[in-house]
Amino acid sequence: MTTLMIFHEVDDVEHWLSSPKREELFGPAGFTVRTFVDPEKTNRVGLIVEVPDMETFQRMLESEAAAEAMKFDGVRPETILTLVES
C-alpha cells in the first residue's frame, strides 16, 4: 500500500464532507480514505488515502468517473496537491 496526503479546495466544505462520491469511487478500488478540514481556511480540505499502487490511483484520477465525482463534490482541480509517503 502507498499512503498519500492530498490537499485541495472545495466550493462547500459541508457538501464535500457529506458526499458519498469518495466511497463510491475509492471503495471498490480498495482505497481507504480519511478526511480533514483546515480550520483556518474554510474551503481547504485534505485526505489521507491508502492506495494499492500509484498506477491504479493515477488511472482512477484520469477517469471520467473521477472527473464527475470532483465536479459533484465541488473540488477545484487546479488546487490539488498530492504528497506521497517516502
N, C-alpha and C. Protein backbone atom coordinates (compact mmCIF):
# COMPACT_ATOMS: atom_id res chain seq x y z
N MET A 1 0.84 -1.19 0.00
CA MET A 1 0.00 0.00 0.00
C MET A 1 0.88 1.24 0.00
N THR A 2 0.42 2.24 -0.72
CA THR A 2 1.08 3.55 -0.76
C THR A 2 0.17 4.54 -0.06
N THR A 3 0.76 5.37 0.82
CA THR A 3 -0.03 6.38 1.54
C THR A 3 0.19 7.74 0.90
N LEU A 4 -0.93 8.44 0.65
CA LEU A 4 -0.89 9.76 0.03
C LEU A 4 -1.54 10.77 0.96
N MET A 5 -1.04 12.00 0.92
CA MET A 5 -1.72 13.15 1.53
C MET A 5 -2.14 14.03 0.36
N ILE A 6 -3.42 14.33 0.31
CA ILE A 6 -3.95 15.12 -0.79
C ILE A 6 -4.65 16.34 -0.22
N PHE A 7 -4.29 17.51 -0.72
CA PHE A 7 -4.91 18.76 -0.30
C PHE A 7 -5.57 19.39 -1.52
N HIS A 8 -6.70 20.03 -1.30
CA HIS A 8 -7.34 20.80 -2.36
C HIS A 8 -8.40 21.70 -1.76
N GLU A 9 -8.94 22.58 -2.58
CA GLU A 9 -10.01 23.47 -2.15
C GLU A 9 -11.32 22.98 -2.74
N VAL A 10 -12.40 23.27 -2.02
CA VAL A 10 -13.74 22.90 -2.47
C VAL A 10 -14.66 24.11 -2.36
N ASP A 11 -15.77 24.06 -3.08
CA ASP A 11 -16.72 25.16 -3.04
C ASP A 11 -17.50 25.19 -1.73
N ASP A 12 -17.84 24.01 -1.19
CA ASP A 12 -18.66 23.91 0.01
C ASP A 12 -18.15 22.74 0.86
N VAL A 13 -17.53 23.04 1.97
CA VAL A 13 -16.91 22.01 2.80
C VAL A 13 -17.93 21.01 3.32
N GLU A 14 -19.08 21.48 3.80
CA GLU A 14 -20.09 20.58 4.35
C GLU A 14 -20.61 19.61 3.28
N HIS A 15 -20.82 20.12 2.08
CA HIS A 15 -21.25 19.25 0.98
C HIS A 15 -20.18 18.21 0.69
N TRP A 16 -18.93 18.64 0.62
CA TRP A 16 -17.81 17.74 0.34
C TRP A 16 -17.72 16.65 1.40
N LEU A 17 -17.84 17.04 2.68
CA LEU A 17 -17.75 16.06 3.77
C LEU A 17 -18.87 15.03 3.72
N SER A 18 -20.06 15.45 3.35
CA SER A 18 -21.20 14.54 3.38
C SER A 18 -21.40 13.77 2.07
N SER A 19 -20.61 14.06 1.07
CA SER A 19 -20.79 13.43 -0.23
C SER A 19 -20.46 11.93 -0.19
N PRO A 20 -21.27 11.12 -0.87
CA PRO A 20 -20.99 9.68 -0.96
C PRO A 20 -19.99 9.35 -2.08
N LYS A 21 -19.58 10.35 -2.86
CA LYS A 21 -18.78 10.09 -4.06
C LYS A 21 -17.41 9.49 -3.76
N ARG A 22 -16.76 9.90 -2.67
CA ARG A 22 -15.44 9.33 -2.34
C ARG A 22 -15.53 7.82 -2.18
N GLU A 23 -16.50 7.39 -1.38
CA GLU A 23 -16.66 5.96 -1.13
C GLU A 23 -17.06 5.22 -2.41
N GLU A 24 -17.95 5.83 -3.19
CA GLU A 24 -18.37 5.21 -4.45
C GLU A 24 -17.19 5.02 -5.41
N LEU A 25 -16.28 5.99 -5.43
CA LEU A 25 -15.14 5.94 -6.34
C LEU A 25 -13.99 5.10 -5.78
N PHE A 26 -13.61 5.38 -4.53
CA PHE A 26 -12.42 4.76 -3.95
C PHE A 26 -12.68 3.38 -3.34
N GLY A 27 -13.86 3.18 -2.76
CA GLY A 27 -14.15 1.92 -2.06
C GLY A 27 -13.94 0.68 -2.90
N PRO A 28 -14.56 0.58 -4.08
CA PRO A 28 -14.41 -0.63 -4.90
C PRO A 28 -12.97 -0.89 -5.34
N ALA A 29 -12.13 0.16 -5.37
CA ALA A 29 -10.74 0.00 -5.78
C ALA A 29 -9.85 -0.42 -4.61
N GLY A 30 -10.43 -0.53 -3.40
CA GLY A 30 -9.65 -0.94 -2.24
C GLY A 30 -8.90 0.19 -1.57
N PHE A 31 -9.26 1.44 -1.87
CA PHE A 31 -8.62 2.60 -1.24
C PHE A 31 -9.28 2.86 0.11
N THR A 32 -8.50 3.27 1.10
CA THR A 32 -9.06 3.76 2.35
C THR A 32 -8.79 5.25 2.42
N VAL A 33 -9.76 5.98 2.95
CA VAL A 33 -9.70 7.45 2.93
C VAL A 33 -10.08 8.02 4.28
N ARG A 34 -9.28 8.98 4.75
CA ARG A 34 -9.61 9.77 5.94
C ARG A 34 -9.67 11.22 5.50
N THR A 35 -10.69 11.97 5.97
CA THR A 35 -10.87 13.35 5.56
C THR A 35 -10.45 14.33 6.65
N PHE A 36 -10.01 15.51 6.20
CA PHE A 36 -9.55 16.57 7.09
C PHE A 36 -10.02 17.92 6.56
N VAL A 37 -10.21 18.87 7.49
CA VAL A 37 -10.62 20.22 7.13
C VAL A 37 -9.64 21.20 7.77
N ASP A 38 -9.22 22.20 7.01
CA ASP A 38 -8.33 23.24 7.51
C ASP A 38 -9.18 24.25 8.29
N PRO A 39 -8.99 24.35 9.62
CA PRO A 39 -9.82 25.26 10.41
C PRO A 39 -9.51 26.73 10.14
N GLU A 40 -8.38 27.03 9.54
CA GLU A 40 -8.01 28.42 9.27
C GLU A 40 -8.52 28.93 7.93
N LYS A 41 -8.67 28.03 6.98
CA LYS A 41 -9.11 28.40 5.64
C LYS A 41 -10.25 27.47 5.29
N THR A 42 -11.46 27.93 5.42
CA THR A 42 -12.61 27.04 5.43
C THR A 42 -12.86 26.26 4.15
N ASN A 43 -12.27 26.64 3.03
CA ASN A 43 -12.52 25.87 1.81
C ASN A 43 -11.38 24.91 1.48
N ARG A 44 -10.36 24.81 2.32
CA ARG A 44 -9.25 23.87 2.10
C ARG A 44 -9.52 22.60 2.89
N VAL A 45 -9.38 21.49 2.18
CA VAL A 45 -9.61 20.18 2.80
C VAL A 45 -8.46 19.26 2.45
N GLY A 46 -8.42 18.12 3.11
CA GLY A 46 -7.36 17.17 2.83
C GLY A 46 -7.83 15.75 3.03
N LEU A 47 -7.05 14.85 2.48
CA LEU A 47 -7.32 13.43 2.58
C LEU A 47 -6.02 12.69 2.87
N ILE A 48 -6.11 11.64 3.64
CA ILE A 48 -5.05 10.63 3.68
C ILE A 48 -5.66 9.42 3.00
N VAL A 49 -5.01 8.99 1.93
CA VAL A 49 -5.54 7.90 1.12
C VAL A 49 -4.49 6.80 1.05
N GLU A 50 -4.91 5.58 1.31
CA GLU A 50 -4.03 4.43 1.12
C GLU A 50 -4.49 3.72 -0.14
N VAL A 51 -3.56 3.61 -1.08
CA VAL A 51 -3.87 3.04 -2.39
C VAL A 51 -3.03 1.78 -2.63
N PRO A 52 -3.58 0.81 -3.37
CA PRO A 52 -2.83 -0.41 -3.64
C PRO A 52 -1.53 -0.13 -4.39
N ASP A 53 -1.59 0.80 -5.35
CA ASP A 53 -0.39 1.20 -6.09
C ASP A 53 -0.68 2.51 -6.81
N MET A 54 0.37 3.21 -7.16
CA MET A 54 0.23 4.53 -7.77
C MET A 54 -0.36 4.45 -9.18
N GLU A 55 -0.09 3.39 -9.92
CA GLU A 55 -0.66 3.27 -11.26
C GLU A 55 -2.18 3.20 -11.20
N THR A 56 -2.71 2.44 -10.26
CA THR A 56 -4.15 2.34 -10.09
C THR A 56 -4.73 3.69 -9.72
N PHE A 57 -4.08 4.38 -8.80
CA PHE A 57 -4.54 5.71 -8.38
C PHE A 57 -4.52 6.68 -9.56
N GLN A 58 -3.45 6.70 -10.33
CA GLN A 58 -3.32 7.61 -11.46
C GLN A 58 -4.39 7.33 -12.51
N ARG A 59 -4.63 6.06 -12.82
CA ARG A 59 -5.68 5.71 -13.78
C ARG A 59 -7.04 6.18 -13.29
N MET A 60 -7.29 6.01 -12.00
CA MET A 60 -8.57 6.43 -11.45
C MET A 60 -8.73 7.94 -11.55
N LEU A 61 -7.69 8.69 -11.22
CA LEU A 61 -7.77 10.15 -11.29
C LEU A 61 -8.05 10.65 -12.70
N GLU A 62 -7.59 9.93 -13.68
CA GLU A 62 -7.77 10.34 -15.07
C GLU A 62 -9.09 9.87 -15.67
N SER A 63 -9.88 9.16 -14.88
CA SER A 63 -11.13 8.59 -15.40
C SER A 63 -12.25 9.63 -15.42
N GLU A 64 -13.24 9.35 -16.26
CA GLU A 64 -14.44 10.19 -16.33
C GLU A 64 -15.19 10.15 -15.00
N ALA A 65 -15.20 8.99 -14.33
CA ALA A 65 -15.88 8.87 -13.04
C ALA A 65 -15.26 9.80 -12.00
N ALA A 66 -13.93 9.92 -12.00
CA ALA A 66 -13.26 10.82 -11.05
C ALA A 66 -13.60 12.27 -11.37
N ALA A 67 -13.61 12.63 -12.64
CA ALA A 67 -13.95 13.99 -13.05
C ALA A 67 -15.38 14.34 -12.61
N GLU A 68 -16.30 13.41 -12.80
CA GLU A 68 -17.69 13.62 -12.40
C GLU A 68 -17.82 13.74 -10.88
N ALA A 69 -17.09 12.90 -10.15
CA ALA A 69 -17.13 12.95 -8.68
C ALA A 69 -16.57 14.28 -8.18
N MET A 70 -15.46 14.72 -8.75
CA MET A 70 -14.88 16.00 -8.33
C MET A 70 -15.83 17.16 -8.61
N LYS A 71 -16.46 17.12 -9.77
CA LYS A 71 -17.42 18.18 -10.12
C LYS A 71 -18.59 18.17 -9.13
N PHE A 72 -19.14 16.99 -8.85
CA PHE A 72 -20.25 16.86 -7.91
C PHE A 72 -19.85 17.38 -6.52
N ASP A 73 -18.63 17.07 -6.10
CA ASP A 73 -18.15 17.46 -4.77
C ASP A 73 -17.67 18.90 -4.69
N GLY A 74 -17.60 19.60 -5.82
CA GLY A 74 -17.15 20.99 -5.81
C GLY A 74 -15.66 21.14 -5.64
N VAL A 75 -14.90 20.11 -6.03
CA VAL A 75 -13.44 20.16 -5.93
C VAL A 75 -12.89 21.11 -6.99
N ARG A 76 -11.97 21.95 -6.60
CA ARG A 76 -11.30 22.86 -7.53
C ARG A 76 -10.01 22.16 -8.00
N PRO A 77 -10.06 21.49 -9.16
CA PRO A 77 -8.95 20.65 -9.61
C PRO A 77 -7.59 21.36 -9.68
N GLU A 78 -7.60 22.64 -9.99
CA GLU A 78 -6.34 23.37 -10.11
C GLU A 78 -5.63 23.54 -8.76
N THR A 79 -6.31 23.23 -7.66
CA THR A 79 -5.69 23.39 -6.34
C THR A 79 -5.18 22.09 -5.75
N ILE A 80 -5.33 20.97 -6.46
CA ILE A 80 -4.94 19.67 -5.93
C ILE A 80 -3.43 19.56 -5.77
N LEU A 81 -3.01 19.16 -4.58
CA LEU A 81 -1.61 18.88 -4.27
C LEU A 81 -1.55 17.50 -3.65
N THR A 82 -0.76 16.61 -4.24
CA THR A 82 -0.65 15.24 -3.75
C THR A 82 0.78 14.98 -3.28
N LEU A 83 0.92 14.51 -2.05
CA LEU A 83 2.20 14.13 -1.48
C LEU A 83 2.21 12.63 -1.26
N VAL A 84 3.34 11.99 -1.57
CA VAL A 84 3.48 10.55 -1.43
C VAL A 84 4.42 10.26 -0.25
N GLU A 85 4.00 9.35 0.62
CA GLU A 85 4.83 8.97 1.75
C GLU A 85 6.14 8.37 1.24
N SER A 86 7.23 8.80 1.84
CA SER A 86 8.53 8.29 1.41
C SER A 86 9.10 7.33 2.42
